[in-house]
């Protein structure tokens, strides 16, 4: 039997974080949210909620390159944490006349989010 990987999109993670935030508030888990805000203050509230949900005792979250640069090792068997990050991409669009000759090239920036993993 073949296994299929499921990939999370940024929209899925945002919806999940919003639902988790509402659950934390309903269950009165204000302390966990406030502690994470003090430890993970460089991340947005959405990413803080995602980090708490995946690893509640997280104090510092970085990418693998940062850990390697700081000569730190990841414990064997550790799993990555999924968070979202803003993403901009430049898209070039060629404008041609009816004969197929290039008139001009427009460059637009497209904004969105991407799902990334941190350790």
PDB file of N, CA and C in Angstrom:
ATOM      1  N   UNK A   1       0.845  -1.185   0.000  1.00  0.00           N
ATOM      2  CA  UNK A   1       0.000   0.000   0.000  1.00  0.00           C
ATOM      3  C   UNK A   1       0.887   1.243   0.000  1.00  0.00           C
ATOM      4  N   UNK A   2       0.586   2.183  -0.865  1.00  0.00           N
ATOM      5  CA  UNK A   2       1.387   3.390  -1.010  1.00  0.00           C
ATOM      6  C   UNK A   2       0.915   4.450  -0.033  1.00  0.00           C
ATOM      7  N   UNK A   3       1.877   5.102   0.653  1.00  0.00           N
ATOM      8  CA  UNK A   3       1.538   6.178   1.579  1.00  0.00           C
ATOM      9  C   UNK A   3       1.630   7.510   0.850  1.00  0.00           C
ATOM     10  N   UNK A   4       0.693   8.388   1.159  1.00  0.00           N
ATOM     11  CA  UNK A   4       0.685   9.715   0.571  1.00  0.00           C
ATOM     12  C   UNK A   4       1.005  10.734   1.646  1.00  0.00           C
ATOM     13  N   UNK A   5       1.876  11.677   1.304  1.00  0.00           N
ATOM     14  CA  UNK A   5       2.184  12.761   2.223  1.00  0.00           C
ATOM     15  C   UNK A   5       1.136  13.852   2.058  1.00  0.00           C
ATOM     16  N   UNK A   6       0.719  14.409   3.169  1.00  0.00           N
ATOM     17  CA  UNK A   6      -0.181  15.550   3.100  1.00  0.00           C
ATOM     18  C   UNK A   6       0.630  16.812   3.363  1.00  0.00           C
ATOM     19  N   UNK A   7       0.444  17.772   2.507  1.00  0.00           N
ATOM     20  CA  UNK A   7       1.166  19.028   2.630  1.00  0.00           C
ATOM     21  C   UNK A   7       0.226  20.095   3.152  1.00  0.00           C
ATOM     22  N   UNK A   8       0.696  20.825   4.157  1.00  0.00           N
ATOM     23  CA  UNK A   8      -0.095  21.906   4.731  1.00  0.00           C
ATOM     24  C   UNK A   8       0.158  23.181   3.948  1.00  0.00           C
ATOM     25  N   UNK A   9      -0.892  23.912   3.677  1.00  0.00           N
ATOM     26  CA  UNK A   9      -0.735  25.207   3.035  1.00  0.00           C
ATOM     27  C   UNK A   9      -0.745  26.280   4.120  1.00  0.00           C
ATOM     28  N   UNK A  10      -0.312  27.463   3.763  1.00  0.00           N
ATOM     29  CA  UNK A  10      -0.304  28.575   4.719  1.00  0.00           C
ATOM     30  C   UNK A  10      -1.719  28.894   5.184  1.00  0.00           C
ATOM     31  N   UNK A  11      -2.688  28.806   4.275  1.00  0.00           N
ATOM     32  CA  UNK A  11      -4.077  29.083   4.648  1.00  0.00           C
ATOM     33  C   UNK A  11      -4.572  28.069   5.682  1.00  0.00           C
ATOM     34  N   UNK A  12      -4.191  26.801   5.508  1.00  0.00           N
ATOM     35  CA  UNK A  12      -4.572  25.773   6.483  1.00  0.00           C
ATOM     36  C   UNK A  12      -3.984  26.074   7.853  1.00  0.00           C
ATOM     37  N   UNK A  13      -2.715  26.487   7.879  1.00  0.00           N
ATOM     38  CA  UNK A  13      -2.067  26.792   9.152  1.00  0.00           C
ATOM     39  C   UNK A  13      -2.690  28.005   9.824  1.00  0.00           C
ATOM     40  N   UNK A  14      -3.065  29.014   9.047  1.00  0.00           N
ATOM     41  CA  UNK A  14      -3.696  30.208   9.619  1.00  0.00           C
ATOM     42  C   UNK A  14      -5.053  29.845  10.222  1.00  0.00           C
ATOM     43  N   UNK A  15      -5.847  29.050   9.500  1.00  0.00           N
ATOM     44  CA  UNK A  15      -7.146  28.620  10.026  1.00  0.00           C
ATOM     45  C   UNK A  15      -6.964  27.798  11.299  1.00  0.00           C
ATOM     46  N   UNK A  16      -5.966  26.917  11.299  1.00  0.00           N
ATOM     47  CA  UNK A  16      -5.692  26.079  12.467  1.00  0.00           C
ATOM     48  C   UNK A  16      -5.281  26.935  13.656  1.00  0.00           C
ATOM     49  N   UNK A  17      -4.423  27.924  13.430  1.00  0.00           N
ATOM     50  CA  UNK A  17      -3.971  28.799  14.519  1.00  0.00           C
ATOM     51  C   UNK A  17      -5.125  29.611  15.083  1.00  0.00           C
ATOM     52  N   UNK A  18      -5.999  30.121  14.227  1.00  0.00           N
ATOM     53  CA  UNK A  18      -7.150  30.888  14.709  1.00  0.00           C
ATOM     54  C   UNK A  18      -8.081  30.021  15.557  1.00  0.00           C
ATOM     55  N   UNK A  19      -8.322  28.796  15.099  1.00  0.00           N
ATOM     56  CA  UNK A  19      -9.178  27.878  15.862  1.00  0.00           C
ATOM     57  C   UNK A  19      -8.528  27.519  17.199  1.00  0.00           C
ATOM     58  N   UNK A  20      -7.204  27.278  17.192  1.00  0.00           N
ATOM     59  CA  UNK A  20      -6.496  26.949  18.423  1.00  0.00           C
ATOM     60  C   UNK A  20      -6.515  28.117  19.401  1.00  0.00           C
ATOM     61  N   UNK A  21      -6.375  29.350  18.893  1.00  0.00           N
ATOM     62  CA  UNK A  21      -6.407  30.532  19.741  1.00  0.00           C
ATOM     63  C   UNK A  21      -7.763  30.650  20.447  1.00  0.00           C
ATOM     64  N   UNK A  22      -8.827  30.437  19.697  1.00  0.00           N
ATOM     65  CA  UNK A  22     -10.167  30.489  20.287  1.00  0.00           C
ATOM     66  C   UNK A  22     -10.323  29.411  21.354  1.00  0.00           C
ATOM     67  N   UNK A  23      -9.796  28.210  21.098  1.00  0.00           N
ATOM     68  CA  UNK A  23      -9.859  27.125  22.085  1.00  0.00           C
ATOM     69  C   UNK A  23      -9.076  27.472  23.350  1.00  0.00           C
ATOM     70  N   UNK A  24      -7.869  28.056  23.191  1.00  0.00           N
ATOM     71  CA  UNK A  24      -7.077  28.454  24.358  1.00  0.00           C
ATOM     72  C   UNK A  24      -7.839  29.470  25.203  1.00  0.00           C
ATOM     73  N   UNK A  25      -8.479  30.433  24.550  1.00  0.00           N
ATOM     74  CA  UNK A  25      -9.230  31.455  25.282  1.00  0.00           C
ATOM     75  C   UNK A  25     -10.434  30.822  25.981  1.00  0.00           C
ATOM     76  N   UNK A  26     -11.166  29.954  25.276  1.00  0.00           N
ATOM     77  CA  UNK A  26     -12.333  29.297  25.876  1.00  0.00           C
ATOM     78  C   UNK A  26     -11.944  28.430  27.069  1.00  0.00           C
ATOM     79  N   UNK A  27     -10.797  27.763  26.991  1.00  0.00           N
ATOM     80  CA  UNK A  27     -10.351  26.871  28.067  1.00  0.00           C
ATOM     81  C   UNK A  27      -9.592  27.597  29.170  1.00  0.00           C
ATOM     82  N   UNK A  28      -9.402  28.908  29.034  1.00  0.00           N
ATOM     83  CA  UNK A  28      -8.739  29.687  30.072  1.00  0.00           C
ATOM     84  C   UNK A  28      -7.240  29.453  30.157  1.00  0.00           C
ATOM     85  N   UNK A  29      -6.603  29.149  29.045  1.00  0.00           N
ATOM     86  CA  UNK A  29      -5.159  28.906  29.045  1.00  0.00           C
ATOM     87  C   UNK A  29      -4.394  30.181  28.696  1.00  0.00           C
ATOM     88  N   UNK A  30      -4.733  31.259  29.395  1.00  0.00           N
ATOM     89  CA  UNK A  30      -4.081  32.543  29.144  1.00  0.00           C
ATOM     90  C   UNK A  30      -2.600  32.493  29.500  1.00  0.00           C
ATOM     91  N   UNK A  31      -2.255  31.743  30.532  1.00  0.00           N
ATOM     92  CA  UNK A  31      -0.875  31.695  31.005  1.00  0.00           C
ATOM     93  C   UNK A  31       0.055  31.168  29.923  1.00  0.00           C
ATOM     94  N   UNK A  32      -0.351  30.119  29.214  1.00  0.00           N
ATOM     95  CA  UNK A  32       0.479  29.562  28.146  1.00  0.00           C
ATOM     96  C   UNK A  32       0.707  30.576  27.030  1.00  0.00           C
ATOM     97  N   UNK A  33      -0.350  31.303  26.675  1.00  0.00           N
ATOM     98  CA  UNK A  33      -0.219  32.293  25.609  1.00  0.00           C
ATOM     99  C   UNK A  33       0.702  33.430  26.044  1.00  0.00           C
ATOM    100  N   UNK A  34       0.531  33.921  27.258  1.00  0.00           N
ATOM    101  CA  UNK A  34       1.368  35.025  27.739  1.00  0.00           C
ATOM    102  C   UNK A  34       2.834  34.607  27.884  1.00  0.00           C
ATOM    103  N   UNK A  35       3.094  33.390  28.368  1.00  0.00           N
ATOM    104  CA  UNK A  35       4.477  32.916  28.468  1.00  0.00           C
ATOM    105  C   UNK A  35       5.120  32.776  27.097  1.00  0.00           C
ATOM    106  N   UNK A  36       4.371  32.296  26.145  1.00  0.00           N
ATOM    107  CA  UNK A  36       4.933  32.165  24.799  1.00  0.00           C
ATOM    108  C   UNK A  36       5.201  33.530  24.194  1.00  0.00           C
ATOM    109  N   UNK A  37       4.351  34.505  24.506  1.00  0.00           N
ATOM    110  CA  UNK A  37       4.579  35.850  23.988  1.00  0.00           C
ATOM    111  C   UNK A  37       5.876  36.436  24.511  1.00  0.00           C
ATOM    112  N   UNK A  38       6.233  36.112  25.737  1.00  0.00           N
ATOM    113  CA  UNK A  38       7.481  36.638  26.284  1.00  0.00           C
ATOM    114  C   UNK A  38       8.697  35.880  25.736  1.00  0.00           C
ATOM    115  N   UNK A  39       8.558  34.592  25.475  1.00  0.00           N
ATOM    116  CA  UNK A  39       9.684  33.800  24.970  1.00  0.00           C
ATOM    117  C   UNK A  39       9.853  33.899  23.462  1.00  0.00           C
ATOM    118  N   UNK A  40       8.771  34.001  22.740  1.00  0.00           N
ATOM    119  CA  UNK A  40       8.795  33.959  21.278  1.00  0.00           C
ATOM    120  C   UNK A  40       8.303  35.275  20.694  1.00  0.00           C
ATOM    121  N   UNK A  41       8.736  36.394  21.271  1.00  0.00           N
ATOM    122  CA  UNK A  41       8.192  37.691  20.891  1.00  0.00           C
ATOM    123  C   UNK A  41       8.570  38.155  19.493  1.00  0.00           C
ATOM    124  N   UNK A  42       9.525  37.504  18.835  1.00  0.00           N
ATOM    125  CA  UNK A  42       9.887  37.915  17.482  1.00  0.00           C
ATOM    126  C   UNK A  42       8.950  37.302  16.437  1.00  0.00           C
ATOM    127  N   UNK A  43       8.028  36.449  16.854  1.00  0.00           N
ATOM    128  CA  UNK A  43       7.071  35.819  15.952  1.00  0.00           C
ATOM    129  C   UNK A  43       5.693  36.453  16.107  1.00  0.00           C
ATOM    130  N   UNK A  44       4.888  36.370  15.061  1.00  0.00           N
ATOM    131  CA  UNK A  44       3.521  36.880  15.119  1.00  0.00           C
ATOM    132  C   UNK A  44       2.696  36.014  16.061  1.00  0.00           C
ATOM    133  N   UNK A  45       1.541  36.523  16.463  1.00  0.00           N
ATOM    134  CA  UNK A  45       0.663  35.768  17.343  1.00  0.00           C
ATOM    135  C   UNK A  45       0.235  34.453  16.688  1.00  0.00           C
ATOM    136  N   UNK A  46      -0.022  34.490  15.384  1.00  0.00           N
ATOM    137  CA  UNK A  46      -0.395  33.264  14.667  1.00  0.00           C
ATOM    138  C   UNK A  46       0.705  32.224  14.776  1.00  0.00           C
ATOM    139  N   UNK A  47       1.949  32.627  14.529  1.00  0.00           N
ATOM    140  CA  UNK A  47       3.060  31.681  14.628  1.00  0.00           C
ATOM    141  C   UNK A  47       3.295  31.234  16.063  1.00  0.00           C
ATOM    142  N   UNK A  48       3.076  32.112  17.037  1.00  0.00           N
ATOM    143  CA  UNK A  48       3.224  31.710  18.439  1.00  0.00           C
ATOM    144  C   UNK A  48       2.224  30.622  18.799  1.00  0.00           C
ATOM    145  N   UNK A  49       0.987  30.776  18.330  1.00  0.00           N
ATOM    146  CA  UNK A  49      -0.034  29.761  18.598  1.00  0.00           C
ATOM    147  C   UNK A  49       0.352  28.445  17.927  1.00  0.00           C
ATOM    148  N   UNK A  50       0.844  28.509  16.688  1.00  0.00           N
ATOM    149  CA  UNK A  50       1.269  27.285  15.999  1.00  0.00           C
ATOM    150  C   UNK A  50       2.419  26.607  16.741  1.00  0.00           C
ATOM    151  N   UNK A  51       3.354  27.390  17.255  1.00  0.00           N
ATOM    152  CA  UNK A  51       4.492  26.825  17.990  1.00  0.00           C
ATOM    153  C   UNK A  51       4.020  26.178  19.287  1.00  0.00           C
ATOM    154  N   UNK A  52       3.140  26.860  20.035  1.00  0.00           N
ATOM    155  CA  UNK A  52       2.624  26.299  21.293  1.00  0.00           C
ATOM    156  C   UNK A  52       1.915  24.976  21.032  1.00  0.00           C
ATOM    157  N   UNK A  53       1.112  24.936  19.974  1.00  0.00           N
ATOM    158  CA  UNK A  53       0.336  23.733  19.665  1.00  0.00           C
ATOM    159  C   UNK A  53       1.257  22.557  19.337  1.00  0.00           C
ATOM    160  N   UNK A  54       2.360  22.816  18.638  1.00  0.00           N
ATOM    161  CA  UNK A  54       3.244  21.740  18.213  1.00  0.00           C
ATOM    162  C   UNK A  54       4.285  21.370  19.263  1.00  0.00           C
ATOM    163  N   UNK A  55       4.743  22.369  20.038  1.00  0.00           N
ATOM    164  CA  UNK A  55       5.765  22.122  21.051  1.00  0.00           C
ATOM    165  C   UNK A  55       5.567  23.132  22.174  1.00  0.00           C
ATOM    166  N   UNK A  56       4.779  22.750  23.168  1.00  0.00           N
ATOM    167  CA  UNK A  56       4.367  23.706  24.194  1.00  0.00           C
ATOM    168  C   UNK A  56       5.518  24.241  25.041  1.00  0.00           C
ATOM    169  N   UNK A  57       6.621  23.514  25.177  1.00  0.00           N
ATOM    170  CA  UNK A  57       7.730  23.966  26.009  1.00  0.00           C
ATOM    171  C   UNK A  57       8.809  24.716  25.211  1.00  0.00           C
ATOM    172  N   UNK A  58       8.518  25.118  23.970  1.00  0.00           N
ATOM    173  CA  UNK A  58       9.504  25.808  23.130  1.00  0.00           C
ATOM    174  C   UNK A  58       9.902  27.148  23.744  1.00  0.00           C
ATOM    175  N   UNK A  59      11.183  27.394  23.810  1.00  0.00           N
ATOM    176  CA  UNK A  59      11.709  28.663  24.330  1.00  0.00           C
ATOM    177  C   UNK A  59      12.383  29.471  23.225  1.00  0.00           C
ATOM    178  N   UNK A  60      12.981  28.766  22.264  1.00  0.00           N
ATOM    179  CA  UNK A  60      13.699  29.423  21.176  1.00  0.00           C
ATOM    180  C   UNK A  60      13.507  28.584  19.914  1.00  0.00           C
ATOM    181  N   UNK A  61      13.051  29.210  18.852  1.00  0.00           N
ATOM    182  CA  UNK A  61      12.798  28.503  17.598  1.00  0.00           C
ATOM    183  C   UNK A  61      13.622  29.162  16.507  1.00  0.00           C
ATOM    184  N   UNK A  62      14.422  28.356  15.817  1.00  0.00           N
ATOM    185  CA  UNK A  62      15.254  28.838  14.720  1.00  0.00           C
ATOM    186  C   UNK A  62      15.268  27.807  13.610  1.00  0.00           C
ATOM    187  N   UNK A  63      15.737  28.227  12.450  1.00  0.00           N
ATOM    188  CA  UNK A  63      15.932  27.317  11.338  1.00  0.00           C
ATOM    189  C   UNK A  63      17.226  26.531  11.523  1.00  0.00           C
ATOM    190  N   UNK A  64      17.374  25.475  10.751  1.00  0.00           N
ATOM    191  CA  UNK A  64      18.541  24.599  10.864  1.00  0.00           C
ATOM    192  C   UNK A  64      19.847  25.348  10.601  1.00  0.00           C
ATOM    193  N   UNK A  65      19.846  26.283   9.646  1.00  0.00           N
ATOM    194  CA  UNK A  65      21.066  27.037   9.336  1.00  0.00           C
ATOM    195  C   UNK A  65      21.529  27.865  10.531  1.00  0.00           C
ATOM    196  N   UNK A  66      20.580  28.458  11.261  1.00  0.00           N
ATOM    197  CA  UNK A  66      20.934  29.269  12.435  1.00  0.00           C
ATOM    198  C   UNK A  66      21.516  28.385  13.525  1.00  0.00           C
ATOM    199  N   UNK A  67      20.903  27.222  13.765  1.00  0.00           N
ATOM    200  CA  UNK A  67      21.438  26.311  14.778  1.00  0.00           C
ATOM    201  C   UNK A  67      22.845  25.860  14.401  1.00  0.00           C
ATOM    202  N   UNK A  68      23.055  25.523  13.140  1.00  0.00           N
ATOM    203  CA  UNK A  68      24.394  25.101  12.708  1.00  0.00           C
ATOM    204  C   UNK A  68      25.406  26.234  12.836  1.00  0.00           C
ATOM    205  N   UNK A  69      25.009  27.451  12.482  1.00  0.00           N
ATOM    206  CA  UNK A  69      25.901  28.598  12.584  1.00  0.00           C
ATOM    207  C   UNK A  69      26.330  28.828  14.027  1.00  0.00           C
ATOM    208  N   UNK A  70      25.428  28.599  14.964  1.00  0.00           N
ATOM    209  CA  UNK A  70      25.724  28.775  16.385  1.00  0.00           C
ATOM    210  C   UNK A  70      26.336  27.533  17.028  1.00  0.00           C
ATOM    211  N   UNK A  71      26.730  26.570  16.211  1.00  0.00           N
ATOM    212  CA  UNK A  71      27.367  25.328  16.673  1.00  0.00           C
ATOM    213  C   UNK A  71      26.486  24.574  17.663  1.00  0.00           C
ATOM    214  N   UNK A  72      25.208  24.537  17.382  1.00  0.00           N
ATOM    215  CA  UNK A  72      24.254  23.792  18.202  1.00  0.00           C
ATOM    216  C   UNK A  72      23.793  22.576  17.422  1.00  0.00           C
ATOM    217  N   UNK A  73      23.455  21.520  18.126  1.00  0.00           N
ATOM    218  CA  UNK A  73      23.014  20.288  17.487  1.00  0.00           C
ATOM    219  C   UNK A  73      21.554  20.032  17.789  1.00  0.00           C
ATOM    220  N   UNK A  74      20.899  19.406  16.850  1.00  0.00           N
ATOM    221  CA  UNK A  74      19.516  18.986  17.027  1.00  0.00           C
ATOM    222  C   UNK A  74      19.537  17.556  17.556  1.00  0.00           C
ATOM    223  N   UNK A  75      18.708  17.288  18.561  1.00  0.00           N
ATOM    224  CA  UNK A  75      18.649  15.944  19.120  1.00  0.00           C
ATOM    225  C   UNK A  75      18.088  14.969  18.088  1.00  0.00           C
ATOM    226  N   UNK A  76      18.613  13.765  18.079  1.00  0.00           N
ATOM    227  CA  UNK A  76      18.155  12.751  17.155  1.00  0.00           C
ATOM    228  C   UNK A  76      16.680  12.465  17.409  1.00  0.00           C
ATOM    229  N   UNK A  77      15.901  12.429  16.340  1.00  0.00           N
ATOM    230  CA  UNK A  77      14.476  12.160  16.453  1.00  0.00           C
ATOM    231  C   UNK A  77      13.607  13.396  16.590  1.00  0.00           C
ATOM    232  N   UNK A  78      14.218  14.589  16.706  1.00  0.00           N
ATOM    233  CA  UNK A  78      13.437  15.818  16.817  1.00  0.00           C
ATOM    234  C   UNK A  78      12.701  16.088  15.511  1.00  0.00           C
ATOM    235  N   UNK A  79      11.530  16.664  15.615  1.00  0.00           N
ATOM    236  CA  UNK A  79      10.708  16.979  14.443  1.00  0.00           C
ATOM    237  C   UNK A  79      10.684  18.483  14.222  1.00  0.00           C
ATOM    238  N   UNK A  80      10.488  18.880  12.984  1.00  0.00           N
ATOM    239  CA  UNK A  80      10.413  20.288  12.627  1.00  0.00           C
ATOM    240  C   UNK A  80       9.065  20.868  13.047  1.00  0.00           C
ATOM    241  N   UNK A  81       9.052  22.174  13.273  1.00  0.00           N
ATOM    242  CA  UNK A  81       7.838  22.908  13.616  1.00  0.00           C
ATOM    243  C   UNK A  81       7.405  23.683  12.374  1.00  0.00           C
ATOM    244  N   UNK A  82       6.121  23.626  12.039  1.00  0.00           N
ATOM    245  CA  UNK A  82       5.593  24.342  10.883  1.00  0.00           C
ATOM    246  C   UNK A  82       5.118  25.720  11.315  1.00  0.00           C
ATOM    247  N   UNK A  83       5.613  26.748  10.627  1.00  0.00           N
ATOM    248  CA  UNK A  83       5.148  28.114  10.834  1.00  0.00           C
ATOM    249  C   UNK A  83       4.944  28.742   9.465  1.00  0.00           C
ATOM    250  N   UNK A  84       4.392  29.943   9.426  1.00  0.00           N
ATOM    251  CA  UNK A  84       4.177  30.620   8.154  1.00  0.00           C
ATOM    252  C   UNK A  84       5.055  31.862   8.082  1.00  0.00           C
ATOM    253  N   UNK A  85       5.427  32.226   6.861  1.00  0.00           N
ATOM    254  CA  UNK A  85       6.273  33.392   6.647  1.00  0.00           C
ATOM    255  C   UNK A  85       5.764  34.163   5.429  1.00  0.00           C
ATOM    256  N   UNK A  86       5.859  35.491   5.474  1.00  0.00           N
ATOM    257  CA  UNK A  86       5.452  36.267   4.298  1.00  0.00           C
ATOM    258  C   UNK A  86       6.395  36.004   3.132  1.00  0.00           C
ATOM    259  N   UNK A  87       5.849  36.083   1.943  1.00  0.00           N
ATOM    260  CA  UNK A  87       6.636  35.783   0.756  1.00  0.00           C
ATOM    261  C   UNK A  87       6.272  36.786  -0.332  1.00  0.00           C
ATOM    262  N   UNK A  88       7.284  37.374  -0.964  1.00  0.00           N
ATOM    263  CA  UNK A  88       7.054  38.233  -2.120  1.00  0.00           C
ATOM    264  C   UNK A  88       7.800  37.644  -3.299  1.00  0.00           C
ATOM    265  N   UNK A  89       7.193  37.754  -4.444  1.00  0.00           N
ATOM    266  CA  UNK A  89       7.802  37.210  -5.656  1.00  0.00           C
ATOM    267  C   UNK A  89       7.597  38.209  -6.778  1.00  0.00           C
ATOM    268  N   UNK A  90       8.630  38.441  -7.550  1.00  0.00           N
ATOM    269  CA  UNK A  90       8.523  39.340  -8.692  1.00  0.00           C
ATOM    270  C   UNK A  90       8.156  38.527  -9.928  1.00  0.00           C
ATOM    271  N   UNK A  91       7.106  38.978 -10.613  1.00  0.00           N
ATOM    272  CA  UNK A  91       6.615  38.285 -11.802  1.00  0.00           C
ATOM    273  C   UNK A  91       6.729  39.238 -12.987  1.00  0.00           C
ATOM    274  N   UNK A  92       7.404  38.774 -14.052  1.00  0.00           N
ATOM    275  CA  UNK A  92       7.542  39.585 -15.259  1.00  0.00           C
ATOM    276  C   UNK A  92       6.482  39.167 -16.262  1.00  0.00           C
ATOM    277  N   UNK A  93       5.866  40.182 -16.893  1.00  0.00           N
ATOM    278  CA  UNK A  93       4.841  39.917 -17.888  1.00  0.00           C
ATOM    279  C   UNK A  93       5.202  40.690 -19.150  1.00  0.00           C
ATOM    280  N   UNK A  94       5.350  39.955 -20.243  1.00  0.00           N
ATOM    281  CA  UNK A  94       5.668  40.575 -21.527  1.00  0.00           C
ATOM    282  C   UNK A  94       4.387  41.002 -22.226  1.00  0.00           C
ATOM    283  N   UNK A  95       4.368  42.228 -22.721  1.00  0.00           N
ATOM    284  CA  UNK A  95       3.224  42.738 -23.478  1.00  0.00           C
ATOM    285  C   UNK A  95       3.645  42.797 -24.943  1.00  0.00           C
ATOM    286  N   UNK A  96       2.872  42.101 -25.786  1.00  0.00           N
ATOM    287  CA  UNK A  96       3.196  42.009 -27.215  1.00  0.00           C
ATOM    288  C   UNK A  96       2.052  42.577 -28.041  1.00  0.00           C
ATOM    289  N   UNK A  97       2.385  43.068 -29.239  1.00  0.00           N
ATOM    290  CA  UNK A  97       1.344  43.542 -30.146  1.00  0.00           C
ATOM    291  C   UNK A  97       0.768  42.359 -30.927  1.00  0.00           C
ATOM    292  N   UNK A  98      -0.152  42.651 -31.887  1.00  0.00           N
ATOM    293  CA  UNK A  98      -0.808  41.564 -32.605  1.00  0.00           C
ATOM    294  C   UNK A  98       0.138  40.769 -33.506  1.00  0.00           C
ATOM    295  N   UNK A  99       1.306  41.338 -33.832  1.00  0.00           N
ATOM    296  CA  UNK A  99       2.294  40.632 -34.649  1.00  0.00           C
ATOM    297  C   UNK A  99       3.254  39.794 -33.805  1.00  0.00           C
ATOM    298  N   UNK A 100       3.135  39.879 -32.514  1.00  0.00           N
ATOM    299  CA  UNK A 100       4.010  39.109 -31.633  1.00  0.00           C
ATOM    300  C   UNK A 100       5.285  39.840 -31.241  1.00  0.00           C
ATOM    301  N   UNK A 101       5.381  41.110 -31.598  1.00  0.00           N
ATOM    302  CA  UNK A 101       6.555  41.904 -31.236  1.00  0.00           C
ATOM    303  C   UNK A 101       6.423  42.400 -29.803  1.00  0.00           C
ATOM    304  N   UNK A 102       7.537  42.379 -29.095  1.00  0.00           N
ATOM    305  CA  UNK A 102       7.556  42.807 -27.700  1.00  0.00           C
ATOM    306  C   UNK A 102       7.435  44.319 -27.618  1.00  0.00           C
ATOM    307  N   UNK A 103       6.406  44.781 -26.894  1.00  0.00           N
ATOM    308  CA  UNK A 103       6.197  46.223 -26.708  1.00  0.00           C
ATOM    309  C   UNK A 103       6.886  46.680 -25.432  1.00  0.00           C
ATOM    310  N   UNK A 104       6.555  46.023 -24.322  1.00  0.00           N
ATOM    311  CA  UNK A 104       7.170  46.349 -23.040  1.00  0.00           C
ATOM    312  C   UNK A 104       7.065  45.152 -22.099  1.00  0.00           C
ATOM    313  N   UNK A 105       7.824  45.236 -21.006  1.00  0.00           N
ATOM    314  CA  UNK A 105       7.798  44.198 -19.983  1.00  0.00           C
ATOM    315  C   UNK A 105       7.421  44.839 -18.659  1.00  0.00           C
ATOM    316  N   UNK A 106       6.369  44.332 -18.050  1.00  0.00           N
ATOM    317  CA  UNK A 106       5.942  44.813 -16.734  1.00  0.00           C
ATOM    318  C   UNK A 106       6.449  43.860 -15.669  1.00  0.00           C
ATOM    319  N   UNK A 107       6.865  44.426 -14.554  1.00  0.00           N
ATOM    320  CA  UNK A 107       7.302  43.611 -13.422  1.00  0.00           C
ATOM    321  C   UNK A 107       6.424  43.937 -12.223  1.00  0.00           C
ATOM    322  N   UNK A 108       5.705  42.933 -11.733  1.00  0.00           N
ATOM    323  CA  UNK A 108       4.804  43.106 -10.600  1.00  0.00           C
ATOM    324  C   UNK A 108       5.266  42.257  -9.433  1.00  0.00           C
ATOM    325  N   UNK A 109       4.981  42.728  -8.226  1.00  0.00           N
ATOM    326  CA  UNK A 109       5.267  41.950  -7.022  1.00  0.00           C
ATOM    327  C   UNK A 109       3.994  41.270  -6.555  1.00  0.00           C
ATOM    328  N   UNK A 110       4.096  39.983  -6.287  1.00  0.00           N
ATOM    329  CA  UNK A 110       2.976  39.203  -5.789  1.00  0.00           C
ATOM    330  C   UNK A 110       3.263  38.878  -4.334  1.00  0.00           C
ATOM    331  N   UNK A 111       2.318  39.182  -3.454  1.00  0.00           N
ATOM    332  CA  UNK A 111       2.492  38.947  -2.028  1.00  0.00           C
ATOM    333  C   UNK A 111       1.678  37.741  -1.599  1.00  0.00           C
ATOM    334  N   UNK A 112       2.215  36.977  -0.644  1.00  0.00           N
ATOM    335  CA  UNK A 112       1.511  35.825  -0.131  1.00  0.00           C
ATOM    336  C   UNK A 112       2.231  35.270   1.081  1.00  0.00           C
ATOM    337  N   UNK A 113       1.902  34.046   1.442  1.00  0.00           N
ATOM    338  CA  UNK A 113       2.518  33.366   2.569  1.00  0.00           C
ATOM    339  C   UNK A 113       3.003  32.001   2.134  1.00  0.00           C
ATOM    340  N   UNK A 114       4.033  31.524   2.794  1.00  0.00           N
ATOM    341  CA  UNK A 114       4.516  30.180   2.539  1.00  0.00           C
ATOM    342  C   UNK A 114       4.679  29.449   3.867  1.00  0.00           C
ATOM    343  N   UNK A 115       4.518  28.172   3.808  1.00  0.00           N
ATOM    344  CA  UNK A 115       4.689  27.325   4.982  1.00  0.00           C
ATOM    345  C   UNK A 115       6.159  26.946   5.080  1.00  0.00           C
ATOM    346  N   UNK A 116       6.796  27.225   6.217  1.00  0.00           N
ATOM    347  CA  UNK A 116       8.188  26.849   6.418  1.00  0.00           C
ATOM    348  C   UNK A 116       8.297  25.993   7.668  1.00  0.00           C
ATOM    349  N   UNK A 117       9.402  25.322   7.793  1.00  0.00           N
ATOM    350  CA  UNK A 117       9.633  24.507   8.998  1.00  0.00           C
ATOM    351  C   UNK A 117      10.840  25.028   9.733  1.00  0.00           C
ATOM    352  N   UNK A 118      10.763  25.013  11.039  1.00  0.00           N
ATOM    353  CA  UNK A 118      11.856  25.440  11.919  1.00  0.00           C
ATOM    354  C   UNK A 118      12.138  24.313  12.897  1.00  0.00           C
ATOM    355  N   UNK A 119      13.282  24.374  13.534  1.00  0.00           N
ATOM    356  CA  UNK A 119      13.656  23.370  14.520  1.00  0.00           C
ATOM    357  C   UNK A 119      13.498  23.945  15.907  1.00  0.00           C
TER     358      UNK A 119
END
